[in-house]
Amino acid sequence: MEMTLAPVGAIPEGEGRTFVVGGERVAVFRMRGGQVFAVQGECPHRGGPLADGLTGGSTVVCPLHAWKFDLVTGQALNGDCALKTFGATVDAAGQIVLTV
């Protein structure tokens, strides 16, 4: 199922925002290269708000404990937990579309 979330401009480049989709919090990131990624909203380690994390390349660093996650695979780069990932694209109208 696809869901339109917001205009891509609603998320500044290099930042993330949290959206509630079907009662679940989803962190959506707009990278400086134009890519968008979507993962679960909370870190599985300590529940940190991932949309507030630092991004770079295709990774996000949790703001609570500095664990780093790959936004493509969801895998932790320095731990044994993983994030749930979602498909995210920007359509021709400039809207972020989430696939759940």
C-alpha atoms as a PDB file:
ATOM      1  CA  MET A   1       0.000   0.000   0.000  1.00  0.00           C
ATOM      2  CA  GLU A   2       1.280   3.486  -0.853  1.00  0.00           C
ATOM      3  CA  MET A   3       0.598   6.613   1.168  1.00  0.00           C
ATOM      4  CA  THR A   4       1.459  10.212   0.327  1.00  0.00           C
ATOM      5  CA  LEU A   5       3.016  11.881   3.380  1.00  0.00           C
ATOM      6  CA  ALA A   6       4.037  15.457   2.576  1.00  0.00           C
ATOM      7  CA  PRO A   7       5.820  17.652   0.038  1.00  0.00           C
ATOM      8  CA  VAL A   8       9.539  16.822  -0.068  1.00  0.00           C
ATOM      9  CA  GLY A   9      10.230  20.430   0.999  1.00  0.00           C
ATOM     10  CA  ALA A  10       8.618  19.697   4.385  1.00  0.00           C
ATOM     11  CA  ILE A  11      11.879  17.975   5.364  1.00  0.00           C
ATOM     12  CA  PRO A  12      15.026  20.121   5.047  1.00  0.00           C
ATOM     13  CA  GLU A  13      17.953  18.401   3.325  1.00  0.00           C
ATOM     14  CA  GLY A  14      20.033  16.379   5.762  1.00  0.00           C
ATOM     15  CA  GLU A  15      17.226  16.100   8.326  1.00  0.00           C
ATOM     16  CA  GLY A  16      14.414  13.793   9.359  1.00  0.00           C
ATOM     17  CA  ARG A  17      10.818  14.160  10.452  1.00  0.00           C
ATOM     18  CA  THR A  18       8.416  11.796  12.187  1.00  0.00           C
ATOM     19  CA  PHE A  19       5.085  10.861  10.651  1.00  0.00           C
ATOM     20  CA  VAL A  20       2.366   8.638  12.113  1.00  0.00           C
ATOM     21  CA  VAL A  21       1.268   6.003   9.616  1.00  0.00           C
ATOM     22  CA  GLY A  22      -1.423   3.536  10.620  1.00  0.00           C
ATOM     23  CA  GLY A  23      -0.734   4.247  14.291  1.00  0.00           C
ATOM     24  CA  GLU A  24       3.008   3.607  13.864  1.00  0.00           C
ATOM     25  CA  ARG A  25       5.707   6.280  14.105  1.00  0.00           C
ATOM     26  CA  VAL A  26       7.890   6.424  10.989  1.00  0.00           C
ATOM     27  CA  ALA A  27      11.071   8.518  10.684  1.00  0.00           C
ATOM     28  CA  VAL A  28      11.525   9.903   7.147  1.00  0.00           C
ATOM     29  CA  PHE A  29      14.882  11.355   6.104  1.00  0.00           C
ATOM     30  CA  ARG A  30      15.732  13.606   3.172  1.00  0.00           C
ATOM     31  CA  MET A  31      19.404  13.224   2.417  1.00  0.00           C
ATOM     32  CA  ARG A  32      21.590  15.950   0.918  1.00  0.00           C
ATOM     33  CA  GLY A  33      21.860  13.955  -2.323  1.00  0.00           C
ATOM     34  CA  GLY A  34      18.077  14.020  -2.737  1.00  0.00           C
ATOM     35  CA  GLN A  35      17.326  10.469  -1.607  1.00  0.00           C
ATOM     36  CA  VAL A  36      14.577   9.778   0.923  1.00  0.00           C
ATOM     37  CA  PHE A  37      14.584   6.918   3.419  1.00  0.00           C
ATOM     38  CA  ALA A  38      11.992   5.738   5.927  1.00  0.00           C
ATOM     39  CA  VAL A  39      12.490   3.589   9.035  1.00  0.00           C
ATOM     40  CA  GLN A  40      10.696   2.930  12.301  1.00  0.00           C
ATOM     41  CA  GLY A  41      10.464   6.048  14.435  1.00  0.00           C
ATOM     42  CA  GLU A  42      12.173   4.775  17.586  1.00  0.00           C
ATOM     43  CA  CYS A  43      15.569   3.213  18.098  1.00  0.00           C
ATOM     44  CA  PRO A  44      15.168  -0.470  19.087  1.00  0.00           C
ATOM     45  CA  HIS A  45      17.987  -0.125  21.626  1.00  0.00           C
ATOM     46  CA  ARG A  46      16.629   2.603  23.928  1.00  0.00           C
ATOM     47  CA  GLY A  47      13.654   4.142  22.117  1.00  0.00           C
ATOM     48  CA  GLY A  48      15.457   7.276  20.919  1.00  0.00           C
ATOM     49  CA  PRO A  49      13.614   9.490  18.394  1.00  0.00           C
ATOM     50  CA  LEU A  50      15.493   8.576  15.213  1.00  0.00           C
ATOM     51  CA  ALA A  51      14.161  11.537  13.194  1.00  0.00           C
ATOM     52  CA  ASP A  52      16.250  13.746  15.516  1.00  0.00           C
ATOM     53  CA  GLY A  53      19.424  11.797  14.712  1.00  0.00           C
ATOM     54  CA  LEU A  54      22.395  12.933  12.655  1.00  0.00           C
ATOM     55  CA  THR A  55      22.453  11.755   9.047  1.00  0.00           C
ATOM     56  CA  GLY A  56      25.229  11.247   6.565  1.00  0.00           C
ATOM     57  CA  GLY A  57      25.566   9.148   3.433  1.00  0.00           C
ATOM     58  CA  SER A  58      22.866   6.543   4.007  1.00  0.00           C
ATOM     59  CA  THR A  59      23.114   6.324   7.803  1.00  0.00           C
ATOM     60  CA  VAL A  60      21.492   7.823  10.878  1.00  0.00           C
ATOM     61  CA  VAL A  61      22.981   8.099  14.367  1.00  0.00           C
ATOM     62  CA  CYS A  62      20.553   7.748  17.268  1.00  0.00           C
ATOM     63  CA  PRO A  63      20.485  10.964  19.336  1.00  0.00           C
ATOM     64  CA  LEU A  64      20.352   9.094  22.667  1.00  0.00           C
ATOM     65  CA  HIS A  65      23.240   6.667  22.520  1.00  0.00           C
ATOM     66  CA  ALA A  66      25.057   7.217  19.195  1.00  0.00           C
ATOM     67  CA  TRP A  67      24.267   3.844  17.640  1.00  0.00           C
ATOM     68  CA  LYS A  68      24.567   4.079  13.865  1.00  0.00           C
ATOM     69  CA  PHE A  69      22.075   2.464  11.483  1.00  0.00           C
ATOM     70  CA  ASP A  70      22.141   1.883   7.732  1.00  0.00           C
ATOM     71  CA  LEU A  71      18.966   3.478   6.321  1.00  0.00           C
ATOM     72  CA  VAL A  72      18.899   1.105   3.327  1.00  0.00           C
ATOM     73  CA  THR A  73      19.052  -2.195   5.227  1.00  0.00           C
ATOM     74  CA  GLY A  74      18.071  -1.079   8.739  1.00  0.00           C
ATOM     75  CA  GLN A  75      21.073  -2.912  10.210  1.00  0.00           C
ATOM     76  CA  ALA A  76      22.946  -1.470  13.171  1.00  0.00           C
ATOM     77  CA  LEU A  77      26.570  -0.786  12.272  1.00  0.00           C
ATOM     78  CA  ASN A  78      27.743  -1.132  15.880  1.00  0.00           C
ATOM     79  CA  GLY A  79      25.208  -3.423  17.520  1.00  0.00           C
ATOM     80  CA  ASP A  80      23.030  -6.451  16.984  1.00  0.00           C
ATOM     81  CA  CYS A  81      19.598  -4.877  16.487  1.00  0.00           C
ATOM     82  CA  ALA A  82      17.951  -3.617  13.309  1.00  0.00           C
ATOM     83  CA  LEU A  83      15.348  -1.099  12.182  1.00  0.00           C
ATOM     84  CA  LYS A  84      12.190  -1.832  10.266  1.00  0.00           C
ATOM     85  CA  THR A  85      12.530  -0.127   6.870  1.00  0.00           C
ATOM     86  CA  PHE A  86       9.897   1.194   4.478  1.00  0.00           C
ATOM     87  CA  GLY A  87      10.035   2.097   0.811  1.00  0.00           C
ATOM     88  CA  ALA A  88      10.105   5.868   0.289  1.00  0.00           C
ATOM     89  CA  THR A  89      10.220   7.840  -2.946  1.00  0.00           C
ATOM     90  CA  VAL A  90       9.465  11.303  -4.256  1.00  0.00           C
ATOM     91  CA  ASP A  91       6.825  11.324  -6.985  1.00  0.00           C
ATOM     92  CA  ALA A  92       6.632  13.589 -10.037  1.00  0.00           C
ATOM     93  CA  ALA A  93       4.586  16.119  -8.060  1.00  0.00           C
ATOM     94  CA  GLY A  94       7.321  16.421  -5.396  1.00  0.00           C
ATOM     95  CA  GLN A  95       5.404  14.457  -2.741  1.00  0.00           C
ATOM     96  CA  ILE A  96       7.030  11.882  -0.456  1.00  0.00           C
ATOM     97  CA  VAL A  97       5.337   8.522  -1.015  1.00  0.00           C
ATOM     98  CA  LEU A  98       5.711   5.771   1.586  1.00  0.00           C
ATOM     99  CA  THR A  99       5.205   2.081   0.745  1.00  0.00           C
ATOM    100  CA  VAL A 100       4.039  -0.035   3.668  1.00  0.00           C
END
